[in-house]
Amino acid sequence: MTANDIRNIALLGHGGSGKTSLAEQMLFMTKGTDRLGKTVDGNTTCDYDAEEIKRQISISLAFAPVNYKGVKINVMDAPGNFDFSGEALSAIRAAECAVLVGAAKDGLSVGIERSWKMLGNKPRMIFVNRTEEANSNYAACLDAIKAKFGQAITPIVAPVIDGNHAVTAIVDLLHNKAYEVKGGKAVECPIPAAVADEVEGLRAELMENAAGADEELMEKFFETMELSAEDIAKGLKIGVRDGSICPVLCGSAVTGLGVEMLLQTILDLVPVATDMPAEAAQDDDGNAVEVALDPNGPTAAIVFKTISDQYGKYSMIKVVRGKVTSDMALYNTTTGNTEKLGRLYFMKGKKGEETKEICCGDIGAIGKMDRVRTGDTLCDPKSIVKLAGMDYPQPCYERAIAPKTKQEVEKVGTGLNKLNEEDPTFRVTNNAETHQVVISGTGDIQIDVLCAKLKSRFGVDTELSTPRVPYREKIRSKVEKHARFKKQTGGSGQFGDVVIVFEPRWSRRT
């Protein structure tokens, strides 16, 4: 494949909005899996860890490559829980566009607001999920999103809503087609007469927004007051790339309604890697440089995620320039080592499909790179550049951790070091004053998950406690002591006379 055949997207949003189910539906609809997994059944492709299955939440960033109409869509399913926001930052680093997933019942969730801020200037679109549920309210959700984010919000779908506010069909405004669910599949249907006028009004607004993104399209629109589907798509793609347009779609990850339209929208509107601006970097002397996404340039790739377990380690890379092959020797700008690459893989959940090459703009994994960590840059030794890594949040929650038996102290340290390769957002400190090992993380759920992984992966039972504070006493007044030492055991004796004074360095003023 080439960079033009690849789209990289990150699924972001609040926990419970249906991101994992959406990725599962994408795989199932494109024959990437032979059965539709469910989170409650613990058999989805992206939630494969034992802790994710038990808790029914996403904990780690997972990968689901979807092949749709000859294009590879690298879907990255990021956890919505705030304790694992570092995983979302890793996904944003590798993606060209984010799909913010929200539930129609929730309106504008905190998770969408937070993800919007985390994206910075990165392109984005919104998918309002779970519209099939009774008492869901797509209209209220859309109004809240528009009120918060302003004119950039551009609906490209018109829902057909029943008396319980549930969406029974959708109209694709870009192609002027309607779809409904029949026999468990989304099929094309006539546009209902009840929404025909609304559809025409929304299409007119869509044309105006698309024309506003490009001067040539604006002139054409003023001349004819009409734009073709190709012209609308062109304008929307320009607007998505520069951030002036955020398309809004809706549907259901459970029934599949709107999911194929989302896939088509990703093909039509998401920019490819080579269309994105050059990345900021540093050369070997620390000078600021820019790295253009060039398929024919010297190799440069960023390690944005590490998957580590008791069986091995995968270093997930995004190839920014050139290509990566399994026989390469690349320079690690962080350690100064030249790394001989091992086997290359494309990850789908916990399974890896071996490949010989990862092209520019693509995402893949390198196996068994013990000296490579998250945030490292791997590049051609003849063209050294250091790409920007991820700026993870500072830990704000501390707990003292200790094994239940003293014989397992070393195993706790080994296990935490392994887990830290996979999740660099937590820190471990051995406090010499209190003689405690203190683990600092984002929240209690993250630390609880780490303890559970220590037991399941490394066989260590641990217990948490409140970290002790190493209090220090202050000298508050002057103290003088006098002592003598005498010792006579025959021969010459020992004698000492000591006067010692303790007083504050600065006297207190009254």
Protein backbone atom coordinates (compact mmCIF):
# COMPACT_ATOMS: atom_id res chain seq x y z
CA MET A 1 0.00 0.00 0.00
CA THR A 2 0.91 3.67 -0.34
CA ALA A 3 0.09 6.59 1.94
CA ASN A 4 -2.90 7.45 -0.28
CA ASP A 5 -4.45 4.07 0.57
CA ILE A 6 -4.29 4.61 4.35
CA ARG A 7 -6.38 6.57 6.86
CA ASN A 8 -5.47 6.76 10.55
CA ILE A 9 -8.28 7.62 12.97
CA ALA A 10 -8.60 7.65 16.76
CA LEU A 11 -11.90 6.88 18.47
CA LEU A 12 -12.19 9.25 21.44
CA GLY A 13 -14.93 10.23 23.85
CA HIS A 14 -16.46 9.51 27.23
CA GLY A 15 -16.41 6.03 28.75
CA GLY A 16 -19.50 4.01 27.85
CA SER A 17 -20.24 5.91 24.65
CA GLY A 18 -19.70 2.80 22.49
CA LYS A 19 -16.26 3.30 20.93
CA THR A 20 -15.25 -0.36 21.25
CA SER A 21 -18.60 -1.51 19.88
CA LEU A 22 -18.21 0.90 16.96
CA ALA A 23 -14.77 -0.50 16.11
CA GLU A 24 -16.22 -4.02 16.36
CA GLN A 25 -19.07 -3.14 14.00
CA MET A 26 -16.59 -1.64 11.50
CA LEU A 27 -14.59 -4.87 11.50
CA PHE A 28 -17.69 -7.04 11.18
CA MET A 29 -19.22 -5.03 8.32
CA THR A 30 -15.98 -5.19 6.32
CA LYS A 31 -15.46 -8.94 6.94
CA GLY A 32 -12.56 -8.26 9.29
CA THR A 33 -14.20 -10.63 11.79
CA ASP A 34 -16.68 -13.44 11.24
CA ARG A 35 -18.86 -12.59 14.23
CA LEU A 36 -19.99 -9.41 15.96
CA GLY A 37 -18.47 -9.31 19.42
CA LYS A 38 -20.11 -7.58 22.38
CA THR A 39 -18.53 -5.83 25.34
CA VAL A 40 -20.89 -7.50 27.83
CA ASP A 41 -19.89 -10.91 26.46
CA GLY A 42 -16.19 -10.13 26.69
CA ASN A 43 -15.46 -11.22 23.11
CA THR A 44 -14.67 -7.97 21.27
CA THR A 45 -11.47 -7.60 19.27
CA CYS A 46 -10.24 -4.47 21.05
CA ASP A 47 -11.07 -5.35 24.68
CA TYR A 48 -9.03 -8.54 24.97
CA ASP A 49 -7.16 -8.06 28.26
CA ALA A 50 -8.49 -9.99 31.25
CA GLU A 51 -9.03 -6.78 33.23
CA GLU A 52 -10.95 -5.18 30.36
CA ILE A 53 -13.21 -8.21 30.08
CA LYS A 54 -13.82 -8.31 33.83
CA ARG A 55 -14.48 -4.58 34.23
CA GLN A 56 -16.19 -4.14 30.82
CA ILE A 57 -14.20 -0.98 30.11
CA SER A 58 -11.29 -0.23 27.80
CA ILE A 59 -7.98 0.12 29.61
CA SER A 60 -5.34 0.15 26.85
CA LEU A 61 -5.17 1.56 23.35
CA ALA A 62 -6.19 -1.15 20.87
CA PHE A 63 -5.85 -1.42 17.10
CA ALA A 64 -8.36 -2.58 14.50
CA PRO A 65 -7.26 -2.24 10.85
CA VAL A 66 -10.38 -2.04 8.67
CA ASN A 67 -10.20 -2.63 4.91
CA TYR A 68 -12.98 -0.74 3.12
CA LYS A 69 -13.15 -0.32 -0.66
CA GLY A 70 -9.44 -0.96 -1.07
CA VAL A 71 -8.44 1.53 1.64
CA LYS A 72 -6.89 0.55 4.96
CA ILE A 73 -8.41 2.43 7.91
CA ASN A 74 -6.26 2.08 11.03
CA VAL A 75 -8.88 2.40 13.78
CA MET A 76 -7.39 3.13 17.21
CA ASP A 77 -9.81 2.50 20.08
CA ALA A 78 -8.75 4.69 23.04
CA PRO A 79 -10.14 4.30 26.58
CA GLY A 80 -12.66 6.93 27.63
CA ASN A 81 -11.93 6.72 31.37
CA PHE A 82 -9.88 9.74 32.48
CA ASP A 83 -7.47 7.51 34.42
CA PHE A 84 -6.17 6.25 31.06
CA SER A 85 -5.96 9.57 29.20
CA GLY A 86 -2.34 8.79 28.29
CA GLU A 87 -3.65 6.12 25.90
CA ALA A 88 -5.79 8.74 24.14
CA LEU A 89 -2.75 11.02 23.77
CA SER A 90 -0.82 8.17 22.15
CA ALA A 91 -3.68 7.61 19.69
CA ILE A 92 -3.85 11.33 18.85
CA ARG A 93 -0.11 11.35 18.14
CA ALA A 94 -0.49 8.68 15.46
CA ALA A 95 -3.84 9.73 13.94
CA GLU A 96 -4.59 12.21 11.17
CA CYS A 97 -8.18 12.61 12.38
CA ALA A 98 -10.23 11.80 15.47
CA VAL A 99 -13.81 10.56 15.63
CA LEU A 100 -15.39 11.85 18.84
CA VAL A 101 -18.03 9.33 19.88
CA GLY A 102 -20.91 10.41 22.11
CA ALA A 103 -24.17 8.82 23.23
CA ALA A 104 -27.45 10.41 22.12
CA LYS A 105 -28.78 10.21 25.69
CA ASP A 106 -25.80 11.99 27.22
CA GLY A 107 -25.87 15.19 25.23
CA LEU A 108 -22.50 16.95 25.30
CA SER A 109 -20.43 14.70 27.57
CA VAL A 110 -17.37 15.80 29.52
CA GLY A 111 -15.36 13.22 27.59
CA ILE A 112 -16.10 14.92 24.26
CA GLU A 113 -15.16 18.34 25.66
CA ARG A 114 -11.92 16.99 27.08
CA SER A 115 -11.03 15.13 23.88
CA TRP A 116 -11.74 18.26 21.82
CA LYS A 117 -9.17 20.18 23.90
CA MET A 118 -6.62 17.36 23.72
CA LEU A 119 -6.80 17.35 19.91
CA GLY A 120 -5.46 20.88 19.54
CA ASN A 121 -5.48 21.64 15.79
CA LYS A 122 -5.92 18.04 14.68
CA PRO A 123 -8.88 17.31 12.30
CA ARG A 124 -11.98 15.79 13.89
CA MET A 125 -15.54 14.63 13.33
CA ILE A 126 -18.33 13.59 15.69
CA PHE A 127 -20.40 10.40 15.67
CA VAL A 128 -23.53 10.47 17.87
CA ASN A 129 -23.99 6.82 18.86
CA ARG A 130 -26.73 4.75 20.51
CA THR A 131 -29.51 6.54 18.64
CA GLU A 132 -31.53 3.31 18.49
CA GLU A 133 -32.32 3.45 22.20
CA ALA A 134 -35.70 4.69 23.39
CA ASN A 135 -35.67 8.24 24.79
CA SER A 136 -32.40 9.05 23.07
CA ASN A 137 -32.39 12.65 21.87
CA TYR A 138 -30.19 13.35 18.87
CA ALA A 139 -31.60 16.84 18.32
CA ALA A 140 -30.83 17.96 21.89
CA CYS A 141 -27.35 16.41 21.66
CA LEU A 142 -26.64 18.26 18.40
CA ASP A 143 -27.90 21.57 19.83
CA ALA A 144 -25.59 21.20 22.86
CA ILE A 145 -22.61 20.43 20.60
CA LYS A 146 -23.35 23.46 18.39
CA ALA A 147 -23.73 25.72 21.42
CA LYS A 148 -20.33 24.65 22.73
CA PHE A 149 -18.20 24.45 19.59
CA GLY A 150 -19.85 27.00 17.30
CA GLN A 151 -19.98 27.27 13.54
CA ALA A 152 -17.49 24.49 12.86
CA ILE A 153 -20.19 21.91 13.66
CA THR A 154 -21.60 20.71 10.33
CA PRO A 155 -24.23 17.92 10.30
CA ILE A 156 -23.92 15.74 7.20
CA VAL A 157 -26.80 13.46 8.17
CA ALA A 158 -30.50 13.97 8.81
CA PRO A 159 -32.13 11.44 11.18
CA VAL A 160 -35.67 10.06 10.89
CA ILE A 161 -37.00 10.00 14.47
CA ASP A 162 -39.96 8.10 15.90
CA GLY A 163 -42.23 9.06 18.80
CA ASN A 164 -39.74 7.82 21.41
CA HIS A 165 -36.99 10.04 19.97
CA ALA A 166 -35.19 6.95 18.64
CA VAL A 167 -33.61 7.19 15.17
CA THR A 168 -35.12 4.66 12.76
CA ALA A 169 -33.41 5.81 9.55
CA ILE A 170 -30.83 8.34 8.41
CA VAL A 171 -30.43 10.50 5.32
CA ASP A 172 -26.94 10.99 3.88
CA LEU A 173 -26.98 14.69 3.01
CA LEU A 174 -23.80 14.48 0.94
CA HIS A 175 -25.14 11.85 -1.47
CA ASN A 176 -28.87 12.52 -0.83
CA LYS A 177 -29.63 8.89 0.09
CA ALA A 178 -31.54 7.34 3.00
CA TYR A 179 -30.77 4.16 4.95
CA GLU A 180 -32.67 2.01 7.44
CA VAL A 181 -32.03 -1.24 9.29
CA LYS A 182 -33.68 -4.38 7.93
CA GLY A 183 -32.75 -7.92 8.83
CA GLY A 184 -29.93 -6.68 11.00
CA LYS A 185 -28.34 -4.73 8.13
CA ALA A 186 -28.45 -1.11 7.00
CA VAL A 187 -30.08 -0.94 3.55
CA GLU A 188 -30.94 1.95 1.26
CA CYS A 189 -34.52 3.21 1.31
CA PRO A 190 -36.52 6.15 -0.13
CA ILE A 191 -36.22 9.48 1.69
CA PRO A 192 -39.37 9.74 3.88
CA ALA A 193 -41.72 12.50 2.78
CA ALA A 194 -41.98 13.72 6.39
CA VAL A 195 -38.36 14.88 6.40
CA ALA A 196 -38.01 15.91 2.73
CA ASP A 197 -38.24 19.64 3.45
CA GLU A 198 -35.84 19.39 6.38
CA VAL A 199 -33.37 17.48 4.20
CA GLU A 200 -33.43 20.19 1.53
CA GLY A 201 -32.76 22.88 4.11
CA LEU A 202 -29.87 20.94 5.67
CA ARG A 203 -28.37 20.25 2.23
CA ALA A 204 -28.41 23.96 1.46
CA GLU A 205 -26.57 24.68 4.73
CA LEU A 206 -24.08 21.91 3.92
CA MET A 207 -23.36 23.45 0.51
CA GLU A 208 -22.77 26.86 2.09
CA ASN A 209 -20.33 25.43 4.64
CA ALA A 210 -18.48 23.47 1.97
CA ALA A 211 -18.28 26.50 -0.33
CA GLY A 212 -16.95 28.65 2.52
CA ALA A 213 -13.86 26.44 2.82
CA ASP A 214 -12.58 27.23 -0.70
CA GLU A 215 -12.71 30.42 -2.79
CA GLU A 216 -13.16 28.57 -6.09
CA LEU A 217 -16.12 26.64 -4.70
CA MET A 218 -17.54 29.85 -3.23
CA GLU A 219 -17.57 31.51 -6.65
CA LYS A 220 -19.15 28.43 -8.22
CA PHE A 221 -21.83 28.31 -5.52
CA PHE A 222 -22.75 31.98 -5.97
CA GLU A 223 -23.10 31.46 -9.72
CA THR A 224 -25.36 28.38 -9.62
CA MET A 225 -26.50 28.19 -5.96
CA GLU A 226 -25.82 24.47 -6.27
CA LEU A 227 -22.83 22.17 -5.73
CA SER A 228 -22.38 18.56 -6.82
CA ALA A 229 -21.63 15.81 -4.30
CA GLU A 230 -18.00 15.85 -5.49
CA ASP A 231 -17.73 19.61 -4.93
CA ILE A 232 -19.33 19.34 -1.48
CA ALA A 233 -16.91 16.55 -0.54
CA LYS A 234 -13.98 18.63 -1.80
CA GLY A 235 -14.98 21.64 0.28
CA LEU A 236 -15.67 19.54 3.36
CA LYS A 237 -12.28 17.81 3.06
CA ILE A 238 -10.50 21.16 2.92
CA GLY A 239 -12.50 22.39 5.91
CA VAL A 240 -11.82 19.24 7.93
CA ARG A 241 -8.09 19.49 7.23
CA ASP A 242 -7.81 23.13 8.31
CA GLY A 243 -10.18 22.70 11.26
CA SER A 244 -12.95 25.03 10.07
CA ILE A 245 -15.43 22.15 9.64
CA CYS A 246 -16.29 19.32 12.04
CA PRO A 247 -18.76 16.89 10.37
CA VAL A 248 -21.43 15.35 12.58
CA LEU A 249 -22.90 11.91 11.87
CA CYS A 250 -25.20 9.65 13.87
CA GLY A 251 -26.15 6.00 14.04
CA SER A 252 -25.84 2.88 16.12
CA ALA A 253 -22.84 0.63 16.68
CA VAL A 254 -25.27 -2.12 17.77
CA THR A 255 -27.56 -2.21 14.71
CA GLY A 256 -24.96 -0.91 12.24
CA LEU A 257 -27.09 2.05 11.16
CA GLY A 258 -24.83 4.87 10.01
CA VAL A 259 -21.59 2.87 10.42
CA GLU A 260 -21.02 2.32 6.69
CA MET A 261 -21.73 6.00 6.11
CA LEU A 262 -19.07 6.79 8.70
CA LEU A 263 -16.59 4.55 6.84
CA GLN A 264 -17.40 6.29 3.55
CA THR A 265 -17.03 9.69 5.22
CA ILE A 266 -13.60 8.69 6.52
CA LEU A 267 -12.58 7.78 2.96
CA ASP A 268 -13.97 11.00 1.51
CA LEU A 269 -13.00 13.59 4.12
CA VAL A 270 -10.10 12.39 6.29
CA PRO A 271 -6.76 13.70 4.99
CA VAL A 272 -4.00 11.20 4.22
CA ALA A 273 -0.69 11.46 6.03
CA THR A 274 1.11 13.12 3.10
CA ASP A 275 -1.52 15.90 3.03
CA MET A 276 -0.75 16.91 6.61
CA PRO A 277 1.69 19.72 7.49
CA ALA A 278 5.34 18.88 8.14
CA GLU A 279 6.12 17.76 11.69
CA ALA A 280 8.29 19.75 14.07
CA ALA A 281 11.50 17.94 15.04
CA GLN A 282 15.13 18.43 16.06
CA ASP A 283 18.29 17.49 14.22
CA ASP A 284 21.35 15.80 15.75
CA ASP A 285 22.61 19.17 17.07
CA GLY A 286 19.31 20.07 18.73
CA ASN A 287 18.28 22.61 16.09
CA ALA A 288 14.61 22.91 15.14
CA VAL A 289 13.76 21.34 11.79
CA GLU A 290 10.63 20.20 9.95
CA VAL A 291 10.05 16.66 8.73
CA ALA A 292 7.76 16.43 5.70
CA LEU A 293 5.74 13.24 5.32
CA ASP A 294 7.62 11.95 2.29
CA PRO A 295 7.33 8.31 1.14
CA ASN A 296 10.68 8.59 -0.68
CA GLY A 297 12.69 10.29 2.06
CA PRO A 298 15.07 8.77 4.63
CA THR A 299 13.25 6.70 7.23
CA ALA A 300 11.85 8.33 10.37
CA ALA A 301 9.27 6.75 12.70
CA ILE A 302 7.90 7.55 16.16
CA VAL A 303 7.26 4.87 18.81
CA PHE A 304 3.92 6.04 20.20
CA LYS A 305 2.81 2.97 22.16
CA THR A 306 4.33 -0.13 23.75
CA ILE A 307 2.40 -3.37 24.26
CA SER A 308 4.12 -5.50 26.89
CA ASP A 309 3.06 -8.70 28.62
CA GLN A 310 4.63 -11.84 30.08
CA TYR A 311 5.13 -13.28 26.59
CA GLY A 312 6.87 -10.40 24.82
CA LYS A 313 6.89 -6.80 23.75
CA TYR A 314 5.64 -4.89 20.71
CA SER A 315 6.74 -1.34 19.89
CA MET A 316 3.97 0.39 17.94
CA ILE A 317 5.33 2.85 15.36
CA LYS A 318 3.92 5.49 13.02
CA VAL A 319 6.12 5.84 9.94
CA VAL A 320 6.45 9.56 9.26
CA ARG A 321 8.97 9.44 6.43
CA GLY A 322 10.28 6.74 4.11
CA LYS A 323 9.46 3.13 4.97
CA VAL A 324 10.44 0.51 7.54
CA THR A 325 11.49 -3.01 6.56
CA SER A 326 12.35 -5.98 8.76
CA ASP A 327 16.04 -6.01 7.78
CA MET A 328 16.75 -2.38 8.64
CA ALA A 329 19.17 -0.93 11.18
CA LEU A 330 17.74 2.34 12.58
CA TYR A 331 19.22 4.89 14.95
CA ASN A 332 17.43 5.56 18.26
CA THR A 333 17.79 9.28 18.95
CA THR A 334 16.90 8.85 22.63
CA THR A 335 19.46 6.19 23.58
CA GLY A 336 22.03 6.73 20.84
CA ASN A 337 21.90 3.04 19.94
CA THR A 338 21.56 1.57 16.48
CA GLU A 339 18.76 -0.97 16.57
CA LYS A 340 18.59 -3.97 14.28
CA LEU A 341 14.88 -4.44 13.64
CA GLY A 342 13.17 -7.72 14.28
CA ARG A 343 9.90 -8.94 12.83
CA LEU A 344 7.23 -6.45 11.78
CA TYR A 345 3.51 -6.87 12.42
CA PHE A 346 0.12 -5.28 11.83
CA MET A 347 -1.85 -5.60 15.06
CA LYS A 348 -5.55 -6.48 15.24
CA GLY A 349 -6.49 -6.64 18.89
CA LYS A 350 -4.10 -9.10 20.54
CA LYS A 351 -3.18 -10.80 17.26
CA GLY A 352 -0.31 -9.75 15.03
CA GLU A 353 -0.11 -10.36 11.29
CA GLU A 354 3.51 -10.48 10.13
CA THR A 355 4.59 -8.18 7.32
CA LYS A 356 7.86 -7.33 5.58
CA GLU A 357 7.28 -3.58 5.24
CA ILE A 358 5.46 -0.66 6.86
CA CYS A 359 5.06 2.21 4.40
CA CYS A 360 4.96 5.95 5.01
CA GLY A 361 1.82 6.99 6.90
CA ASP A 362 1.07 3.47 8.12
CA ILE A 363 1.00 2.05 11.64
CA GLY A 364 2.67 -1.21 12.61
CA ALA A 365 4.59 -3.00 15.35
CA ILE A 366 8.18 -4.14 15.84
CA GLY A 367 8.64 -7.24 17.96
CA LYS A 368 11.13 -7.77 20.81
CA MET A 369 12.86 -4.37 20.87
CA ASP A 370 14.04 -4.44 24.48
CA ARG A 371 15.92 -1.12 24.35
CA VAL A 372 13.15 0.84 22.62
CA ARG A 373 10.57 2.72 24.68
CA THR A 374 7.48 4.84 24.07
CA GLY A 375 8.41 8.27 22.72
CA ASP A 376 11.63 7.17 21.00
CA THR A 377 12.38 8.15 17.41
CA LEU A 378 13.84 5.54 15.04
CA CYS A 379 15.49 7.05 11.98
CA ASP A 380 18.03 6.58 9.23
CA PRO A 381 21.56 6.91 10.76
CA LYS A 382 22.52 9.17 7.85
CA SER A 383 19.62 11.57 8.46
CA ILE A 384 19.10 11.91 12.22
CA VAL A 385 15.94 13.66 13.43
CA LYS A 386 14.14 13.55 16.75
CA LEU A 387 10.35 13.72 16.38
CA ALA A 388 8.09 15.19 19.04
CA GLY A 389 6.78 12.61 21.48
CA MET A 390 3.73 12.66 23.76
CA ASP A 391 3.26 15.12 26.63
CA TYR A 392 1.59 12.89 29.22
CA PRO A 393 -0.23 14.36 32.24
CA GLN A 394 1.64 14.51 35.54
CA PRO A 395 0.63 11.88 38.15
CA CYS A 396 -1.59 13.33 40.86
CA TYR A 397 -2.58 10.34 43.02
CA GLU A 398 -0.22 8.35 45.25
CA ARG A 399 -0.44 5.02 47.04
CA ALA A 400 2.16 2.97 48.85
CA ILE A 401 2.43 -0.55 47.41
CA ALA A 402 3.94 -3.62 49.02
CA PRO A 403 3.76 -7.40 48.49
CA LYS A 404 1.82 -9.45 51.00
CA THR A 405 4.92 -11.60 51.55
CA LYS A 406 8.41 -10.11 51.92
CA GLN A 407 9.92 -12.73 49.61
CA GLU A 408 8.15 -11.13 46.62
CA VAL A 409 9.60 -7.62 46.94
CA GLU A 410 11.85 -8.12 43.91
CA LYS A 411 8.99 -9.49 41.80
CA VAL A 412 6.94 -6.35 42.52
CA GLY A 413 9.75 -4.13 41.21
CA THR A 414 10.24 -6.26 38.11
CA GLY A 415 6.52 -6.32 37.38
CA LEU A 416 6.08 -2.56 37.81
CA ASN A 417 9.02 -1.88 35.49
CA LYS A 418 7.44 -4.09 32.81
CA LEU A 419 4.05 -2.42 33.24
CA ASN A 420 5.68 1.01 33.08
CA GLU A 421 6.94 0.21 29.57
CA GLU A 422 3.34 -0.29 28.53
CA ASP A 423 1.92 2.63 30.53
CA PRO A 424 4.45 5.45 31.04
CA THR A 425 1.86 7.68 32.76
CA PHE A 426 2.55 6.24 36.23
CA ARG A 427 5.74 6.50 38.27
CA VAL A 428 7.35 4.33 40.93
CA THR A 429 9.48 5.85 43.70
CA ASN A 430 11.42 3.99 46.38
CA ASN A 431 11.30 6.40 49.33
CA ALA A 432 14.45 5.84 51.37
CA GLU A 433 13.14 7.90 54.32
CA THR A 434 9.86 6.06 54.84
CA HIS A 435 11.10 2.71 53.42
CA GLN A 436 8.03 2.52 51.19
CA VAL A 437 7.56 1.96 47.45
CA VAL A 438 5.17 4.69 46.28
CA ILE A 439 3.25 4.42 43.00
CA SER A 440 1.92 7.67 41.49
CA GLY A 441 -0.81 7.64 38.85
CA THR A 442 -3.76 9.48 37.41
CA GLY A 443 -6.43 7.93 39.64
CA ASP A 444 -7.44 5.02 41.81
CA ILE A 445 -8.80 2.93 38.92
CA GLN A 446 -5.43 3.02 37.15
CA ILE A 447 -3.55 1.92 40.28
CA ASP A 448 -6.13 -0.78 41.03
CA VAL A 449 -5.69 -2.13 37.48
CA LEU A 450 -1.91 -2.16 37.91
CA CYS A 451 -2.25 -4.25 41.09
CA ALA A 452 -4.58 -6.65 39.30
CA LYS A 453 -2.07 -7.02 36.43
CA LEU A 454 0.74 -7.70 38.91
CA LYS A 455 -1.26 -10.63 40.18
CA SER A 456 -2.47 -11.99 36.83
CA ARG A 457 0.77 -11.53 34.85
CA PHE A 458 3.48 -11.87 37.49
CA GLY A 459 1.76 -13.83 40.25
CA VAL A 460 2.31 -11.20 42.97
CA ASP A 461 -0.33 -10.33 45.56
CA THR A 462 0.03 -6.71 46.67
CA GLU A 463 -1.65 -4.40 49.12
CA LEU A 464 -2.05 -0.64 49.01
CA SER A 465 -1.78 1.85 51.86
CA THR A 466 -1.55 5.57 52.46
CA PRO A 467 2.01 6.81 51.94
CA ARG A 468 3.75 7.92 55.13
CA VAL A 469 4.88 11.53 55.34
CA PRO A 470 8.54 11.98 56.38
CA TYR A 471 7.95 14.70 58.96
CA ARG A 472 10.99 16.65 60.18
CA GLU A 473 11.33 18.41 63.56
CA LYS A 474 12.32 22.04 63.72
CA ILE A 475 14.71 23.59 66.29
CA ARG A 476 12.62 26.29 67.93
CA SER A 477 14.87 27.45 70.82
CA LYS A 478 18.49 27.45 71.92
CA VAL A 479 19.71 24.30 73.70
CA GLU A 480 23.14 23.78 75.28
CA LYS A 481 24.47 20.44 76.55
CA HIS A 482 27.70 19.52 78.36
CA ALA A 483 29.06 15.98 78.81
CA ARG A 484 32.30 14.29 79.89
CA PHE A 485 33.66 10.87 79.01
CA LYS A 486 36.15 8.94 81.15
CA LYS A 487 37.50 5.44 80.66
CA GLN A 488 40.38 3.86 82.62
CA THR A 489 41.22 0.20 81.93
CA GLY A 490 44.88 0.22 82.78
CA GLY A 491 47.64 2.15 81.16
CA SER A 492 46.74 5.42 79.54
CA GLY A 493 43.04 6.20 79.85
CA GLN A 494 40.49 7.97 77.64
CA PHE A 495 38.96 11.32 78.42
CA GLY A 496 36.61 13.65 76.53
CA ASP A 497 34.86 16.89 77.37
CA VAL A 498 32.12 18.10 74.96
CA VAL A 499 29.97 21.20 74.91
CA ILE A 500 27.37 21.33 72.09
CA VAL A 501 24.90 24.10 71.30
CA PHE A 502 21.78 23.80 69.08
CA GLU A 503 19.95 26.96 68.07
CA PRO A 504 17.74 28.11 65.17
CA ARG A 505 19.56 29.51 62.18
CA TRP A 506 17.25 32.52 62.21
CA SER A 507 15.76 33.72 65.47
CA ARG A 508 12.01 34.32 65.55
CA ARG A 509 11.05 37.95 65.64
CA THR A 510 8.27 38.98 67.98
